[in-house]
Amino acid sequence: MNDADDLLLDDDAADLLLAELGEALAEEITDERLAGAVNAFWVARTDALIAEVEEHLDAGQRAGVRGGTNERQHLYRLDAFSVSLTVDSIDRRVTGRIDGASSSARWLDANGASRPLKLDEDGGFRVSPQSGPASVEVVLADGRRVRTTWTLL
């Protein structure tokens, strides 16, 4: 036996120390911090999935059109599925339409806020967002998540 052996904890003391450390750390993790971490994970995961999908798309399958008026139109396609957006910079609103089988859609902004989109019977929606980048995320009927690129409002 050497001097280092005298400094080691026995199993019971080590278990007690680990339990105390776990309780102390758990008190530091608030619901707000946990929600922020989960949201950051999903934003990063969604960005990675979108980047992967975009790698497989030809330039002809994605289209963004800018007009000479105060409205800008964007069209995003994936196979038979599409999301079209019309951004009106004067009235500060976005109208859109989702074509294809989907189970839900939500509006995302660059600040991390997310809100569900209420779609009409034709897949149309309207939002009055804050200025800055925003995106539409859709859960397809088969469970896949797709998201448009960031659109500057």
Protein backbone atom coordinates (compact mmCIF):
# COMPACT_ATOMS: atom_id res chain seq x y z
CA MET A 1 0.00 0.00 0.00
CA ASN A 2 1.28 3.51 -0.81
CA ASP A 3 0.23 7.07 0.12
CA ALA A 4 -2.14 7.38 -2.87
CA ASP A 5 -4.20 4.40 -1.65
CA ASP A 6 -5.06 6.29 1.54
CA LEU A 7 -6.64 9.12 -0.50
CA LEU A 8 -9.10 6.97 -2.47
CA LEU A 9 -12.74 6.80 -1.42
CA ASP A 10 -14.43 3.53 -0.69
CA ASP A 11 -17.42 2.56 -2.86
CA ASP A 12 -20.05 3.89 -0.44
CA ALA A 13 -18.32 7.26 -0.05
CA ALA A 14 -17.87 7.54 -3.84
CA ASP A 15 -21.57 6.75 -4.44
CA LEU A 16 -22.59 9.36 -1.85
CA LEU A 17 -20.32 11.97 -3.44
CA LEU A 18 -21.71 11.26 -6.92
CA ALA A 19 -25.29 11.56 -5.64
CA GLU A 20 -24.51 14.91 -3.96
CA LEU A 21 -22.81 16.23 -7.12
CA GLY A 22 -25.76 15.10 -9.24
CA GLU A 23 -28.24 16.92 -6.97
CA ALA A 24 -26.12 20.08 -6.98
CA LEU A 25 -25.87 20.10 -10.78
CA ALA A 26 -29.58 19.33 -11.22
CA GLU A 27 -30.44 22.46 -9.21
CA GLU A 28 -28.43 24.56 -11.72
CA ILE A 29 -30.41 23.31 -14.73
CA THR A 30 -33.65 25.28 -14.89
CA ASP A 31 -36.59 24.41 -17.14
CA GLU A 32 -35.75 27.50 -19.21
CA ARG A 33 -32.15 26.37 -19.77
CA LEU A 34 -33.26 22.85 -20.61
CA ALA A 35 -35.83 24.13 -23.14
CA GLY A 36 -33.16 26.39 -24.68
CA ALA A 37 -30.76 23.48 -25.06
CA VAL A 38 -33.43 21.26 -26.62
CA ASN A 39 -34.47 24.02 -29.04
CA ALA A 40 -30.85 24.67 -30.02
CA PHE A 41 -30.41 20.95 -30.73
CA TRP A 42 -33.50 20.82 -32.97
CA VAL A 43 -32.52 23.96 -34.87
CA ALA A 44 -29.03 22.55 -35.52
CA ARG A 45 -30.48 19.15 -36.50
CA THR A 46 -33.01 20.74 -38.84
CA ASP A 47 -30.29 22.87 -40.46
CA ALA A 48 -28.20 19.75 -41.04
CA LEU A 49 -31.15 17.89 -42.57
CA ILE A 50 -31.98 20.81 -44.86
CA ALA A 51 -28.37 21.05 -45.98
CA GLU A 52 -28.39 17.34 -46.75
CA VAL A 53 -31.62 17.64 -48.78
CA GLU A 54 -30.31 20.67 -50.67
CA GLU A 55 -27.16 18.76 -51.63
CA HIS A 56 -29.36 16.27 -53.47
CA LEU A 57 -31.47 18.82 -55.29
CA ASP A 58 -30.59 20.08 -58.73
CA ALA A 59 -30.75 23.82 -59.31
CA GLY A 60 -33.90 23.24 -61.39
CA GLN A 61 -35.73 21.71 -58.43
CA ARG A 62 -35.24 24.78 -56.21
CA ALA A 63 -36.37 28.16 -57.33
CA GLY A 64 -36.45 31.61 -55.77
CA VAL A 65 -37.84 34.48 -57.79
CA ARG A 66 -37.39 38.16 -57.02
CA GLY A 67 -39.61 40.66 -58.74
CA GLY A 68 -39.21 44.38 -59.29
CA THR A 69 -42.15 45.18 -56.99
CA ASN A 70 -42.42 45.40 -53.24
CA GLU A 71 -43.50 41.75 -53.15
CA ARG A 72 -41.03 38.90 -53.44
CA GLN A 73 -42.03 35.38 -54.36
CA HIS A 74 -40.21 32.24 -53.31
CA LEU A 75 -40.92 28.67 -54.34
CA TYR A 76 -39.34 25.63 -52.68
CA ARG A 77 -39.84 22.12 -54.08
CA LEU A 78 -39.02 18.60 -53.02
CA ASP A 79 -40.36 15.99 -55.44
CA ALA A 80 -44.15 16.60 -55.64
CA PHE A 81 -44.14 18.72 -52.46
CA SER A 82 -43.79 22.53 -52.53
CA VAL A 83 -43.94 25.63 -50.34
CA SER A 84 -44.61 28.98 -51.98
CA LEU A 85 -44.17 32.30 -50.16
CA THR A 86 -45.08 35.85 -51.12
CA VAL A 87 -43.30 38.42 -48.96
CA ASP A 88 -44.92 41.86 -48.88
CA SER A 89 -42.34 44.25 -47.43
CA ILE A 90 -44.75 47.21 -47.30
CA ASP A 91 -47.62 45.57 -45.39
CA ARG A 92 -45.15 43.40 -43.43
CA ARG A 93 -46.90 40.11 -44.11
CA VAL A 94 -46.18 36.79 -45.71
CA THR A 95 -48.77 34.71 -47.50
CA GLY A 96 -47.95 31.17 -48.42
CA ARG A 97 -49.24 27.86 -49.63
CA ILE A 98 -48.14 24.33 -48.91
CA ASP A 99 -48.87 21.79 -51.65
CA GLY A 100 -48.49 18.12 -50.80
CA ALA A 101 -49.25 15.73 -47.99
CA SER A 102 -48.13 17.13 -44.64
CA SER A 103 -49.12 16.66 -41.03
CA SER A 104 -48.06 20.04 -39.59
CA ALA A 105 -46.22 23.26 -40.38
CA ARG A 106 -44.63 25.97 -38.30
CA TRP A 107 -43.05 29.38 -38.74
CA LEU A 108 -39.48 29.77 -37.43
CA ASP A 109 -37.53 32.95 -36.94
CA ALA A 110 -33.83 33.51 -36.42
CA ASN A 111 -34.39 34.41 -32.75
CA GLY A 112 -35.43 30.80 -32.09
CA ALA A 113 -39.17 31.50 -31.86
CA SER A 114 -41.52 28.96 -33.38
CA ARG A 115 -45.27 29.10 -33.92
CA PRO A 116 -47.63 26.70 -35.65
CA LEU A 117 -49.10 27.73 -38.99
CA LYS A 118 -52.86 27.46 -39.37
CA LEU A 119 -53.47 26.15 -42.86
CA ASP A 120 -56.75 26.61 -44.71
CA GLU A 121 -58.32 23.79 -46.75
CA ASP A 122 -56.04 24.64 -49.72
CA GLY A 123 -52.84 24.67 -47.63
CA GLY A 124 -52.74 28.48 -47.52
CA PHE A 125 -51.57 30.58 -44.59
CA ARG A 126 -50.77 34.17 -43.66
CA VAL A 127 -48.38 35.54 -41.05
CA SER A 128 -47.31 39.02 -39.95
CA PRO A 129 -43.79 38.32 -38.77
CA GLN A 130 -41.13 40.43 -37.11
CA SER A 131 -38.39 41.65 -39.40
CA GLY A 132 -35.38 39.44 -39.90
CA PRO A 133 -34.75 35.98 -41.31
CA ALA A 134 -37.53 33.38 -41.12
CA SER A 135 -38.28 29.92 -42.43
CA VAL A 136 -41.16 27.45 -42.78
CA GLU A 137 -40.72 23.94 -41.40
CA VAL A 138 -43.12 21.20 -42.50
CA VAL A 139 -43.57 17.67 -41.21
CA LEU A 140 -44.46 15.57 -44.24
CA ALA A 141 -47.10 12.85 -44.08
CA ASP A 142 -44.34 10.21 -44.03
CA GLY A 143 -42.75 11.83 -40.93
CA ARG A 144 -39.81 13.58 -42.62
CA ARG A 145 -39.15 17.21 -41.68
CA VAL A 146 -38.27 19.73 -44.38
CA ARG A 147 -37.59 23.43 -44.08
CA THR A 148 -37.29 26.28 -46.52
CA THR A 149 -34.09 28.29 -46.63
CA TRP A 150 -34.04 31.45 -44.52
CA THR A 151 -36.00 34.28 -46.10
CA LEU A 152 -35.18 37.86 -45.14
CA LEU A 153 -38.31 39.81 -44.17
